[in-house]
Amino acid sequence: MSSDIQMIVAYIRPSKLDDVKQALAGAGAPSLTVSNVRGRGNQPAEKGQWRGEEYVVDLHEKVKIECVVADIPVDDVVDAISDTGYTGEPGDGKVFVLDVAQAHQIRTGKEGPDAV
């Protein structure tokens, strides 16, 4: 059973953050939380050299976006992230949609979809 409140969690390339923020605002979902993270998926490891020593980077820099919606179609938000985050190369990222059981707004005391 699906709840009225959904959380969209996306992992994207840092270079795509501004485009995704604009697309989310255009989709009616301007509220979001952004974190810098590192991770590994299907993107190949990169080799580099520093001061004559070779090193391997297998944890790549990503940006984690969290967006909670209640009155906006989730598919519009997912499409906004997917379309603007796409480069066609491995490492473009992923989008997850989760049901939110409860929401409480601290300042007003509102609950459920009204709190979002």
PDB file of N, CA and C in Angstrom:
ATOM      1  N   MET A   1       0.834  -1.184   0.000  1.00  0.00           N
ATOM      2  CA  MET A   1       0.000   0.000   0.000  1.00  0.00           C
ATOM      3  C   MET A   1       0.876   1.245   0.000  1.00  0.00           C
ATOM      4  N   SER A   2       0.565   2.179  -0.849  1.00  0.00           N
ATOM      5  CA  SER A   2       1.346   3.385  -1.011  1.00  0.00           C
ATOM      6  C   SER A   2       0.807   4.501  -0.114  1.00  0.00           C
ATOM      7  N   SER A   3       1.701   5.270   0.512  1.00  0.00           N
ATOM      8  CA  SER A   3       1.255   6.375   1.356  1.00  0.00           C
ATOM      9  C   SER A   3       1.086   7.631   0.508  1.00  0.00           C
ATOM     10  N   ASP A   4       0.535   8.682   1.124  1.00  0.00           N
ATOM     11  CA  ASP A   4       0.333   9.948   0.425  1.00  0.00           C
ATOM     12  C   ASP A   4       1.615  10.753   0.318  1.00  0.00           C
ATOM     13  N   ILE A   5       2.602  10.393   1.113  1.00  0.00           N
ATOM     14  CA  ILE A   5       3.867  11.126   1.140  1.00  0.00           C
ATOM     15  C   ILE A   5       4.966  10.217   0.603  1.00  0.00           C
ATOM     16  N   GLN A   6       5.775  10.751  -0.294  1.00  0.00           N
ATOM     17  CA  GLN A   6       6.874   9.997  -0.889  1.00  0.00           C
ATOM     18  C   GLN A   6       8.186  10.747  -0.688  1.00  0.00           C
ATOM     19  N   MET A   7       9.259   9.999  -0.476  1.00  0.00           N
ATOM     20  CA  MET A   7      10.591  10.581  -0.452  1.00  0.00           C
ATOM     21  C   MET A   7      11.349  10.077  -1.667  1.00  0.00           C
ATOM     22  N   ILE A   8      11.898  11.005  -2.413  1.00  0.00           N
ATOM     23  CA  ILE A   8      12.723  10.659  -3.571  1.00  0.00           C
ATOM     24  C   ILE A   8      14.169  10.884  -3.145  1.00  0.00           C
ATOM     25  N   VAL A   9      14.990   9.854  -3.283  1.00  0.00           N
ATOM     26  CA  VAL A   9      16.416   9.932  -2.976  1.00  0.00           C
ATOM     27  C   VAL A   9      17.160   9.677  -4.273  1.00  0.00           C
ATOM     28  N   ALA A  10      18.012  10.613  -4.654  1.00  0.00           N
ATOM     29  CA  ALA A  10      18.747  10.483  -5.905  1.00  0.00           C
ATOM     30  C   ALA A  10      20.232  10.692  -5.660  1.00  0.00           C
ATOM     31  N   TYR A  11      21.039   9.939  -6.396  1.00  0.00           N
ATOM     32  CA  TYR A  11      22.488  10.092  -6.382  1.00  0.00           C
ATOM     33  C   TYR A  11      22.886  10.514  -7.790  1.00  0.00           C
ATOM     34  N   ILE A  12      23.487  11.687  -7.917  1.00  0.00           N
ATOM     35  CA  ILE A  12      23.816  12.230  -9.237  1.00  0.00           C
ATOM     36  C   ILE A  12      25.253  12.735  -9.255  1.00  0.00           C
ATOM     37  N   ARG A  13      25.703  13.086 -10.452  1.00  0.00           N
ATOM     38  CA  ARG A  13      27.019  13.705 -10.600  1.00  0.00           C
ATOM     39  C   ARG A  13      26.973  15.135 -10.046  1.00  0.00           C
ATOM     40  N   PRO A  14      28.024  15.571  -9.353  1.00  0.00           N
ATOM     41  CA  PRO A  14      28.033  16.942  -8.826  1.00  0.00           C
ATOM     42  C   PRO A  14      27.846  18.005  -9.903  1.00  0.00           C
ATOM     43  N   SER A  15      28.344  17.760 -11.088  1.00  0.00           N
ATOM     44  CA  SER A  15      28.235  18.744 -12.170  1.00  0.00           C
ATOM     45  C   SER A  15      26.804  18.953 -12.642  1.00  0.00           C
ATOM     46  N   LYS A  16      25.904  18.051 -12.291  1.00  0.00           N
ATOM     47  CA  LYS A  16      24.513  18.134 -12.723  1.00  0.00           C
ATOM     48  C   LYS A  16      23.590  18.760 -11.675  1.00  0.00           C
ATOM     49  N   LEU A  17      24.129  19.133 -10.511  1.00  0.00           N
ATOM     50  CA  LEU A  17      23.294  19.608  -9.417  1.00  0.00           C
ATOM     51  C   LEU A  17      22.480  20.849  -9.783  1.00  0.00           C
ATOM     52  N   ASP A  18      23.100  21.849 -10.370  1.00  0.00           N
ATOM     53  CA  ASP A  18      22.363  23.074 -10.698  1.00  0.00           C
ATOM     54  C   ASP A  18      21.229  22.804 -11.675  1.00  0.00           C
ATOM     55  N   ASP A  19      21.492  21.972 -12.673  1.00  0.00           N
ATOM     56  CA  ASP A  19      20.441  21.628 -13.638  1.00  0.00           C
ATOM     57  C   ASP A  19      19.289  20.897 -12.965  1.00  0.00           C
ATOM     58  N   VAL A  20      19.610  19.970 -12.071  1.00  0.00           N
ATOM     59  CA  VAL A  20      18.572  19.205 -11.379  1.00  0.00           C
ATOM     60  C   VAL A  20      17.774  20.114 -10.448  1.00  0.00           C
ATOM     61  N   LYS A  21      18.427  21.041  -9.744  1.00  0.00           N
ATOM     62  CA  LYS A  21      17.710  21.968  -8.872  1.00  0.00           C
ATOM     63  C   LYS A  21      16.703  22.798  -9.670  1.00  0.00           C
ATOM     64  N   GLN A  22      17.109  23.287 -10.827  1.00  0.00           N
ATOM     65  CA  GLN A  22      16.203  24.069 -11.666  1.00  0.00           C
ATOM     66  C   GLN A  22      15.048  23.217 -12.168  1.00  0.00           C
ATOM     67  N   ALA A  23      15.326  21.987 -12.548  1.00  0.00           N
ATOM     68  CA  ALA A  23      14.278  21.087 -13.037  1.00  0.00           C
ATOM     69  C   ALA A  23      13.284  20.752 -11.931  1.00  0.00           C
ATOM     70  N   LEU A  24      13.770  20.554 -10.706  1.00  0.00           N
ATOM     71  CA  LEU A  24      12.872  20.272  -9.583  1.00  0.00           C
ATOM     72  C   LEU A  24      11.988  21.477  -9.275  1.00  0.00           C
ATOM     73  N   ALA A  25      12.554  22.669  -9.330  1.00  0.00           N
ATOM     74  CA  ALA A  25      11.745  23.869  -9.113  1.00  0.00           C
ATOM     75  C   ALA A  25      10.679  23.986 -10.198  1.00  0.00           C
ATOM     76  N   GLY A  26      11.034  23.661 -11.436  1.00  0.00           N
ATOM     77  CA  GLY A  26      10.078  23.683 -12.533  1.00  0.00           C
ATOM     78  C   GLY A  26       8.983  22.639 -12.390  1.00  0.00           C
ATOM     79  N   ALA A  27       9.292  21.530 -11.718  1.00  0.00           N
ATOM     80  CA  ALA A  27       8.307  20.467 -11.493  1.00  0.00           C
ATOM     81  C   ALA A  27       7.449  20.742 -10.260  1.00  0.00           C
ATOM     82  N   GLY A  28       7.736  21.846  -9.565  1.00  0.00           N
ATOM     83  CA  GLY A  28       6.951  22.180  -8.384  1.00  0.00           C
ATOM     84  C   GLY A  28       7.467  21.585  -7.094  1.00  0.00           C
ATOM     85  N   ALA A  29       8.706  21.124  -7.094  1.00  0.00           N
ATOM     86  CA  ALA A  29       9.312  20.518  -5.899  1.00  0.00           C
ATOM     87  C   ALA A  29      10.612  21.245  -5.549  1.00  0.00           C
ATOM     88  N   PRO A  30      10.518  22.497  -5.088  1.00  0.00           N
ATOM     89  CA  PRO A  30      11.742  23.262  -4.824  1.00  0.00           C
ATOM     90  C   PRO A  30      12.446  22.890  -3.529  1.00  0.00           C
ATOM     91  N   SER A  31      11.763  22.221  -2.598  1.00  0.00           N
ATOM     92  CA  SER A  31      12.367  21.877  -1.302  1.00  0.00           C
ATOM     93  C   SER A  31      13.182  20.598  -1.425  1.00  0.00           C
ATOM     94  N   LEU A  32      14.427  20.665  -1.029  1.00  0.00           N
ATOM     95  CA  LEU A  32      15.280  19.487  -1.105  1.00  0.00           C
ATOM     96  C   LEU A  32      16.419  19.604  -0.121  1.00  0.00           C
ATOM     97  N   THR A  33      17.044  18.482   0.139  1.00  0.00           N
ATOM     98  CA  THR A  33      18.240  18.415   0.968  1.00  0.00           C
ATOM     99  C   THR A  33      19.343  17.827   0.115  1.00  0.00           C
ATOM    100  N   VAL A  34      20.520  18.429   0.167  1.00  0.00           N
ATOM    101  CA  VAL A  34      21.642  17.996  -0.662  1.00  0.00           C
ATOM    102  C   VAL A  34      22.826  17.660   0.239  1.00  0.00           C
ATOM    103  N   SER A  35      23.457  16.506  -0.040  1.00  0.00           N
ATOM    104  CA  SER A  35      24.650  16.074   0.695  1.00  0.00           C
ATOM    105  C   SER A  35      25.711  15.637  -0.299  1.00  0.00           C
ATOM    106  N   ASN A  36      26.962  15.924   0.022  1.00  0.00           N
ATOM    107  CA  ASN A  36      28.066  15.402  -0.781  1.00  0.00           C
ATOM    108  C   ASN A  36      28.419  14.025  -0.234  1.00  0.00           C
ATOM    109  N   VAL A  37      28.453  13.040  -1.123  1.00  0.00           N
ATOM    110  CA  VAL A  37      28.743  11.665  -0.726  1.00  0.00           C
ATOM    111  C   VAL A  37      29.753  11.064  -1.695  1.00  0.00           C
ATOM    112  N   ARG A  38      30.270   9.909  -1.337  1.00  0.00           N
ATOM    113  CA  ARG A  38      31.162   9.145  -2.213  1.00  0.00           C
ATOM    114  C   ARG A  38      30.613   7.741  -2.296  1.00  0.00           C
ATOM    115  N   GLY A  39      30.711   7.146  -3.470  1.00  0.00           N
ATOM    116  CA  GLY A  39      30.177   5.801  -3.618  1.00  0.00           C
ATOM    117  C   GLY A  39      30.750   5.074  -4.815  1.00  0.00           C
ATOM    118  N   ARG A  40      30.341   3.815  -4.914  1.00  0.00           N
ATOM    119  CA  ARG A  40      30.825   2.974  -5.999  1.00  0.00           C
ATOM    120  C   ARG A  40      29.647   2.185  -6.538  1.00  0.00           C
ATOM    121  N   GLY A  41      29.534   2.144  -7.841  1.00  0.00           N
ATOM    122  CA  GLY A  41      28.502   1.369  -8.515  1.00  0.00           C
ATOM    123  C   GLY A  41      29.112   0.742  -9.754  1.00  0.00           C
ATOM    124  N   ASN A  42      28.485   0.963 -10.891  1.00  0.00           N
ATOM    125  CA  ASN A  42      28.993   0.405 -12.143  1.00  0.00           C
ATOM    126  C   ASN A  42      30.049   1.284 -12.795  1.00  0.00           C
ATOM    127  N   GLN A  43      30.259   2.475 -12.272  1.00  0.00           N
ATOM    128  CA  GLN A  43      31.252   3.383 -12.834  1.00  0.00           C
ATOM    129  C   GLN A  43      32.653   2.806 -12.601  1.00  0.00           C
ATOM    130  N   PRO A  44      33.465   2.719 -13.663  1.00  0.00           N
ATOM    131  CA  PRO A  44      34.786   2.105 -13.497  1.00  0.00           C
ATOM    132  C   PRO A  44      35.708   2.949 -12.616  1.00  0.00           C
ATOM    133  N   ALA A  45      36.664   2.269 -11.989  1.00  0.00           N
ATOM    134  CA  ALA A  45      37.662   2.955 -11.167  1.00  0.00           C
ATOM    135  C   ALA A  45      38.564   3.786 -12.072  1.00  0.00           C
ATOM    136  N   GLU A  46      39.064   4.887 -11.536  1.00  0.00           N
ATOM    137  CA  GLU A  46      39.966   5.762 -12.284  1.00  0.00           C
ATOM    138  C   GLU A  46      41.353   5.671 -11.664  1.00  0.00           C
ATOM    139  N   LYS A  47      42.355   5.603 -12.523  1.00  0.00           N
ATOM    140  CA  LYS A  47      43.732   5.584 -12.050  1.00  0.00           C
ATOM    141  C   LYS A  47      44.332   6.960 -12.242  1.00  0.00           C
ATOM    142  N   GLY A  48      45.144   7.355 -11.272  1.00  0.00           N
ATOM    143  CA  GLY A  48      45.813   8.640 -11.351  1.00  0.00           C
ATOM    144  C   GLY A  48      47.223   8.519 -10.827  1.00  0.00           C
ATOM    145  N   GLN A  49      47.955   9.623 -10.932  1.00  0.00           N
ATOM    146  CA  GLN A  49      49.327   9.629 -10.445  1.00  0.00           C
ATOM    147  C   GLN A  49      49.562  10.945  -9.713  1.00  0.00           C
ATOM    148  N   TRP A  50      50.165  10.840  -8.539  1.00  0.00           N
ATOM    149  CA  TRP A  50      50.467  12.003  -7.730  1.00  0.00           C
ATOM    150  C   TRP A  50      51.837  11.825  -7.121  1.00  0.00           C
ATOM    151  N   ARG A  51      52.726  12.755  -7.388  1.00  0.00           N
ATOM    152  CA  ARG A  51      54.110  12.703  -6.904  1.00  0.00           C
ATOM    153  C   ARG A  51      54.782  11.380  -7.228  1.00  0.00           C
ATOM    154  N   GLY A  52      54.548  10.923  -8.420  1.00  0.00           N
ATOM    155  CA  GLY A  52      55.191   9.707  -8.885  1.00  0.00           C
ATOM    156  C   GLY A  52      54.545   8.412  -8.437  1.00  0.00           C
ATOM    157  N   GLU A  53      53.559   8.494  -7.592  1.00  0.00           N
ATOM    158  CA  GLU A  53      52.882   7.302  -7.098  1.00  0.00           C
ATOM    159  C   GLU A  53      51.534   7.148  -7.804  1.00  0.00           C
ATOM    160  N   GLU A  54      51.245   5.914  -8.217  1.00  0.00           N
ATOM    161  CA  GLU A  54      49.961   5.645  -8.848  1.00  0.00           C
ATOM    162  C   GLU A  54      48.922   5.318  -7.787  1.00  0.00           C
ATOM    163  N   TYR A  55      47.699   5.821  -7.991  1.00  0.00           N
ATOM    164  CA  TYR A  55      46.613   5.523  -7.053  1.00  0.00           C
ATOM    165  C   TYR A  55      45.345   5.227  -7.844  1.00  0.00           C
ATOM    166  N   VAL A  56      44.416   4.559  -7.182  1.00  0.00           N
ATOM    167  CA  VAL A  56      43.149   4.184  -7.807  1.00  0.00           C
ATOM    168  C   VAL A  56      42.006   4.846  -7.031  1.00  0.00           C
ATOM    169  N   VAL A  57      41.117   5.497  -7.761  1.00  0.00           N
ATOM    170  CA  VAL A  57      39.929   6.098  -7.165  1.00  0.00           C
ATOM    171  C   VAL A  57      38.751   5.212  -7.529  1.00  0.00           C
ATOM    172  N   ASP A  58      38.233   4.477  -6.546  1.00  0.00           N
ATOM    173  CA  ASP A  58      37.083   3.617  -6.829  1.00  0.00           C
ATOM    174  C   ASP A  58      35.830   4.077  -6.085  1.00  0.00           C
ATOM    175  N   LEU A  59      35.963   5.111  -5.259  1.00  0.00           N
ATOM    176  CA  LEU A  59      34.805   5.758  -4.642  1.00  0.00           C
ATOM    177  C   LEU A  59      34.683   7.140  -5.278  1.00  0.00           C
ATOM    178  N   HIS A  60      33.636   7.326  -6.059  1.00  0.00           N
ATOM    179  CA  HIS A  60      33.474   8.542  -6.843  1.00  0.00           C
ATOM    180  C   HIS A  60      32.609   9.565  -6.107  1.00  0.00           C
ATOM    181  N   GLU A  61      32.918  10.841  -6.323  1.00  0.00           N
ATOM    182  CA  GLU A  61      32.146  11.919  -5.726  1.00  0.00           C
ATOM    183  C   GLU A  61      30.755  11.938  -6.347  1.00  0.00           C
ATOM    184  N   LYS A  62      29.737  11.994  -5.500  1.00  0.00           N
ATOM    185  CA  LYS A  62      28.341  12.083  -5.931  1.00  0.00           C
ATOM    186  C   LYS A  62      27.636  13.111  -5.061  1.00  0.00           C
ATOM    187  N   VAL A  63      26.457  13.506  -5.489  1.00  0.00           N
ATOM    188  CA  VAL A  63      25.599  14.369  -4.705  1.00  0.00           C
ATOM    189  C   VAL A  63      24.332  13.581  -4.410  1.00  0.00           C
ATOM    190  N   LYS A  64      23.940  13.556  -3.139  1.00  0.00           N
ATOM    191  CA  LYS A  64      22.708  12.886  -2.732  1.00  0.00           C
ATOM    192  C   LYS A  64      21.641  13.957  -2.555  1.00  0.00           C
ATOM    193  N   ILE A  65      20.516  13.767  -3.236  1.00  0.00           N
ATOM    194  CA  ILE A  65      19.391  14.690  -3.144  1.00  0.00           C
ATOM    195  C   ILE A  65      18.228  13.957  -2.498  1.00  0.00           C
ATOM    196  N   GLU A  66      17.627  14.575  -1.490  1.00  0.00           N
ATOM    197  CA  GLU A  66      16.429  14.040  -0.858  1.00  0.00           C
ATOM    198  C   GLU A  66      15.315  15.068  -1.029  1.00  0.00           C
ATOM    199  N   CYS A  67      14.178  14.601  -1.490  1.00  0.00           N
ATOM    200  CA  CYS A  67      13.043  15.477  -1.746  1.00  0.00           C
ATOM    201  C   CYS A  67      11.781  14.744  -1.309  1.00  0.00           C
ATOM    202  N   VAL A  68      10.998  15.364  -0.427  1.00  0.00           N
ATOM    203  CA  VAL A  68       9.761  14.760   0.057  1.00  0.00           C
ATOM    204  C   VAL A  68       8.590  15.505  -0.583  1.00  0.00           C
ATOM    205  N   VAL A  69       7.667  14.744  -1.168  1.00  0.00           N
ATOM    206  CA  VAL A  69       6.517  15.351  -1.844  1.00  0.00           C
ATOM    207  C   VAL A  69       5.228  14.695  -1.374  1.00  0.00           C
ATOM    208  N   ALA A  70       4.144  15.489  -1.413  1.00  0.00           N
ATOM    209  CA  ALA A  70       2.833  14.972  -1.060  1.00  0.00           C
ATOM    210  C   ALA A  70       1.806  15.338  -2.123  1.00  0.00           C
ATOM    211  N   ASP A  71       1.865  16.560  -2.643  1.00  0.00           N
ATOM    212  CA  ASP A  71       0.862  17.042  -3.587  1.00  0.00           C
ATOM    213  C   ASP A  71       1.354  17.048  -5.031  1.00  0.00           C
ATOM    214  N   ILE A  72       2.569  16.651  -5.256  1.00  0.00           N
ATOM    215  CA  ILE A  72       3.183  16.680  -6.583  1.00  0.00           C
ATOM    216  C   ILE A  72       3.314  15.250  -7.084  1.00  0.00           C
ATOM    217  N   PRO A  73       2.980  14.979  -8.347  1.00  0.00           N
ATOM    218  CA  PRO A  73       3.160  13.615  -8.874  1.00  0.00           C
ATOM    219  C   PRO A  73       4.626  13.175  -8.794  1.00  0.00           C
ATOM    220  N   VAL A  74       4.849  12.035  -8.177  1.00  0.00           N
ATOM    221  CA  VAL A  74       6.207  11.515  -7.990  1.00  0.00           C
ATOM    222  C   VAL A  74       6.897  11.301  -9.335  1.00  0.00           C
ATOM    223  N   ASP A  75       6.159  10.849 -10.326  1.00  0.00           N
ATOM    224  CA  ASP A  75       6.757  10.599 -11.642  1.00  0.00           C
ATOM    225  C   ASP A  75       7.334  11.879 -12.240  1.00  0.00           C
ATOM    226  N   ASP A  76       6.707  13.028 -11.992  1.00  0.00           N
ATOM    227  CA  ASP A  76       7.232  14.301 -12.501  1.00  0.00           C
ATOM    228  C   ASP A  76       8.575  14.626 -11.867  1.00  0.00           C
ATOM    229  N   VAL A  77       8.690  14.348 -10.573  1.00  0.00           N
ATOM    230  CA  VAL A  77       9.941  14.618  -9.862  1.00  0.00           C
ATOM    231  C   VAL A  77      11.034  13.665 -10.340  1.00  0.00           C
ATOM    232  N   VAL A  78      10.709  12.385 -10.462  1.00  0.00           N
ATOM    233  CA  VAL A  78      11.684  11.397 -10.931  1.00  0.00           C
ATOM    234  C   VAL A  78      12.131  11.726 -12.351  1.00  0.00           C
ATOM    235  N   ASP A  79      11.192  12.094 -13.213  1.00  0.00           N
ATOM    236  CA  ASP A  79      11.538  12.458 -14.592  1.00  0.00           C
ATOM    237  C   ASP A  79      12.428  13.694 -14.634  1.00  0.00           C
ATOM    238  N   ALA A  80      12.144  14.686 -13.790  1.00  0.00           N
ATOM    239  CA  ALA A  80      12.960  15.901 -13.752  1.00  0.00           C
ATOM    240  C   ALA A  80      14.407  15.573 -13.377  1.00  0.00           C
ATOM    241  N   ILE A  81      14.581  14.698 -12.396  1.00  0.00           N
ATOM    242  CA  ILE A  81      15.932  14.313 -11.981  1.00  0.00           C
ATOM    243  C   ILE A  81      16.605  13.472 -13.056  1.00  0.00           C
ATOM    244  N   SER A  82      15.897  12.484 -13.571  1.00  0.00           N
ATOM    245  CA  SER A  82      16.481  11.563 -14.556  1.00  0.00           C
ATOM    246  C   SER A  82      16.853  12.277 -15.855  1.00  0.00           C
ATOM    247  N   ASP A  83      15.963  13.138 -16.330  1.00  0.00           N
ATOM    248  CA  ASP A  83      16.214  13.821 -17.602  1.00  0.00           C
ATOM    249  C   ASP A  83      17.385  14.786 -17.513  1.00  0.00           C
ATOM    250  N   THR A  84      17.476  15.535 -16.417  1.00  0.00           N
ATOM    251  CA  THR A  84      18.555  16.525 -16.314  1.00  0.00           C
ATOM    252  C   THR A  84      19.859  15.931 -15.788  1.00  0.00           C
ATOM    253  N   GLY A  85      19.806  14.789 -15.114  1.00  0.00           N
ATOM    254  CA  GLY A  85      21.018  14.154 -14.611  1.00  0.00           C
ATOM    255  C   GLY A  85      21.684  13.225 -15.606  1.00  0.00           C
ATOM    256  N   TYR A  86      21.056  13.021 -16.754  1.00  0.00           N
ATOM    257  CA  TYR A  86      21.519  12.044 -17.748  1.00  0.00           C
ATOM    258  C   TYR A  86      22.699  12.571 -18.560  1.00  0.00           C
ATOM    259  N   THR A  87      23.766  11.761 -18.659  1.00  0.00           N
ATOM    260  CA  THR A  87      24.872  12.035 -19.582  1.00  0.00           C
ATOM    261  C   THR A  87      25.078  10.881 -20.549  1.00  0.00           C
ATOM    262  N   GLY A  88      24.555   9.710 -20.202  1.00  0.00           N
ATOM    263  CA  GLY A  88      24.731   8.534 -21.044  1.00  0.00           C
ATOM    264  C   GLY A  88      25.958   7.713 -20.695  1.00  0.00           C
ATOM    265  N   GLU A  89      26.720   8.168 -19.729  1.00  0.00           N
ATOM    266  CA  GLU A  89      27.935   7.469 -19.316  1.00  0.00           C
ATOM    267  C   GLU A  89      27.686   6.718 -18.010  1.00  0.00           C
ATOM    268  N   PRO A  90      28.464   5.654 -17.744  1.00  0.00           N
ATOM    269  CA  PRO A  90      28.347   4.994 -16.436  1.00  0.00           C
ATOM    270  C   PRO A  90      28.626   5.997 -15.319  1.00  0.00           C
ATOM    271  N   GLY A  91      27.854   5.923 -14.252  1.00  0.00           N
ATOM    272  CA  GLY A  91      28.039   6.836 -13.137  1.00  0.00           C
ATOM    273  C   GLY A  91      27.046   7.981 -13.114  1.00  0.00           C
ATOM    274  N   ASP A  92      26.020   7.931 -13.973  1.00  0.00           N
ATOM    275  CA  ASP A  92      25.003   8.989 -13.967  1.00  0.00           C
ATOM    276  C   ASP A  92      24.224   9.000 -12.661  1.00  0.00           C
ATOM    277  N   GLY A  93      24.082   7.869 -11.999  1.00  0.00           N
ATOM    278  CA  GLY A  93      23.426   7.828 -10.707  1.00  0.00           C
ATOM    279  C   GLY A  93      22.162   6.998 -10.707  1.00  0.00           C
ATOM    280  N   LYS A  94      21.420   7.125  -9.614  1.00  0.00           N
ATOM    281  CA  LYS A  94      20.191   6.355  -9.429  1.00  0.00           C
ATOM    282  C   LYS A  94      19.175   7.204  -8.697  1.00  0.00           C
ATOM    283  N   VAL A  95      17.888   6.828  -8.853  1.00  0.00           N
ATOM    284  CA  VAL A  95      16.793   7.493  -8.155  1.00  0.00           C
ATOM    285  C   VAL A  95      15.966   6.424  -7.454  1.00  0.00           C
ATOM    286  N   PHE A  96      15.664   6.645  -6.180  1.00  0.00           N
ATOM    287  CA  PHE A  96      14.850   5.724  -5.402  1.00  0.00           C
ATOM    288  C   PHE A  96      13.625   6.468  -4.882  1.00  0.00           C
ATOM    289  N   VAL A  97      12.482   5.783  -4.839  1.00  0.00           N
ATOM    290  CA  VAL A  97      11.249   6.360  -4.310  1.00  0.00           C
ATOM    291  C   VAL A  97      10.817   5.519  -3.117  1.00  0.00           C
ATOM    292  N   LEU A  98      10.616   6.185  -1.976  1.00  0.00           N
ATOM    293  CA  LEU A  98      10.268   5.505  -0.732  1.00  0.00           C
ATOM    294  C   LEU A  98       8.968   6.072  -0.173  1.00  0.00           C
ATOM    295  N   ASP A  99       8.148   5.207   0.410  1.00  0.00           N
ATOM    296  CA  ASP A  99       6.968   5.658   1.127  1.00  0.00           C
ATOM    297  C   ASP A  99       7.382   6.247   2.468  1.00  0.00           C
ATOM    298  N   VAL A 100       6.751   7.352   2.847  1.00  0.00           N
ATOM    299  CA  VAL A 100       6.995   7.973   4.141  1.00  0.00           C
ATOM    300  C   VAL A 100       5.792   7.671   5.026  1.00  0.00           C
ATOM    301  N   ALA A 101       6.025   7.008   6.136  1.00  0.00           N
ATOM    302  CA  ALA A 101       4.934   6.591   7.019  1.00  0.00           C
ATOM    303  C   ALA A 101       4.294   7.775   7.727  1.00  0.00           C
ATOM    304  N   GLN A 102       5.104   8.704   8.222  1.00  0.00           N
ATOM    305  CA  GLN A 102       4.589   9.849   8.951  1.00  0.00           C
ATOM    306  C   GLN A 102       5.459  11.058   8.687  1.00  0.00           C
ATOM    307  N   ALA A 103       4.844  12.232   8.818  1.00  0.00           N
ATOM    308  CA  ALA A 103       5.594  13.486   8.733  1.00  0.00           C
ATOM    309  C   ALA A 103       5.043  14.434   9.783  1.00  0.00           C
ATOM    310  N   HIS A 104       5.936  15.126  10.483  1.00  0.00           N
ATOM    311  CA  HIS A 104       5.544  16.089  11.522  1.00  0.00           C
ATOM    312  C   HIS A 104       6.358  17.357  11.308  1.00  0.00           C
ATOM    313  N   GLN A 105       5.677  18.485  11.210  1.00  0.00           N
ATOM    314  CA  GLN A 105       6.380  19.755  11.101  1.00  0.00           C
ATOM    315  C   GLN A 105       6.586  20.304  12.511  1.00  0.00           C
ATOM    316  N   ILE A 106       7.817  20.545  12.877  1.00  0.00           N
ATOM    317  CA  ILE A 106       8.163  20.915  14.244  1.00  0.00           C
ATOM    318  C   ILE A 106       7.560  22.268  14.634  1.00  0.00           C
ATOM    319  N   ARG A 107       7.711  23.271  13.783  1.00  0.00           N
ATOM    320  CA  ARG A 107       7.271  24.619  14.141  1.00  0.00           C
ATOM    321  C   ARG A 107       5.765  24.721  14.319  1.00  0.00           C
ATOM    322  N   THR A 108       4.993  24.150  13.387  1.00  0.00           N
ATOM    323  CA  THR A 108       3.535  24.329  13.404  1.00  0.00           C
ATOM    324  C   THR A 108       2.775  23.185  14.053  1.00  0.00           C
ATOM    325  N   GLY A 109       3.410  22.027  14.173  1.00  0.00           N
ATOM    326  CA  GLY A 109       2.727  20.864  14.711  1.00  0.00           C
ATOM    327  C   GLY A 109       1.868  20.135  13.692  1.00  0.00           C
ATOM    328  N   LYS A 110       1.913  20.563  12.431  1.00  0.00           N
ATOM    329  CA  LYS A 110       1.134  19.897  11.390  1.00  0.00           C
ATOM    330  C   LYS A 110       1.656  18.475  11.196  1.00  0.00           C
ATOM    331  N   GLU A 111       0.748  17.606  10.753  1.00  0.00           N
ATOM    332  CA  GLU A 111       1.106  16.214  10.518  1.00  0.00           C
ATOM    333  C   GLU A 111       0.627  15.766   9.153  1.00  0.00           C
ATOM    334  N   GLY A 112       1.231  14.658   8.683  1.00  0.00           N
ATOM    335  CA  GLY A 112       0.824  14.070   7.404  1.00  0.00           C
ATOM    336  C   GLY A 112       1.183  14.952   6.228  1.00  0.00           C
ATOM    337  N   PRO A 113       0.420  14.893   5.141  1.00  0.00           N
ATOM    338  CA  PRO A 113       0.718  15.676   3.936  1.00  0.00           C
ATOM    339  C   PRO A 113       0.776  17.183   4.205  1.00  0.00           C
ATOM    340  N   ASP A 114       0.033  17.678   5.211  1.00  0.00           N
ATOM    341  CA  ASP A 114       0.061  19.099   5.537  1.00  0.00           C
ATOM    342  C   ASP A 114       1.422  19.528   6.061  1.00  0.00           C
ATOM    343  N   ALA A 115       2.179  18.613   6.623  1.00  0.00           N
ATOM    344  CA  ALA A 115       3.487  18.922   7.170  1.00  0.00           C
ATOM    345  C   ALA A 115       4.538  19.065   6.074  1.00  0.00           C
ATOM    346  N   VAL A 116       4.254  18.510   4.916  1.00  0.00           N
ATOM    347  CA  VAL A 116       5.216  18.564   3.819  1.00  0.00           C
ATOM    348  C   VAL A 116       5.079  19.886   3.109  1.00  0.00           C
TER     349      VAL A 116
END
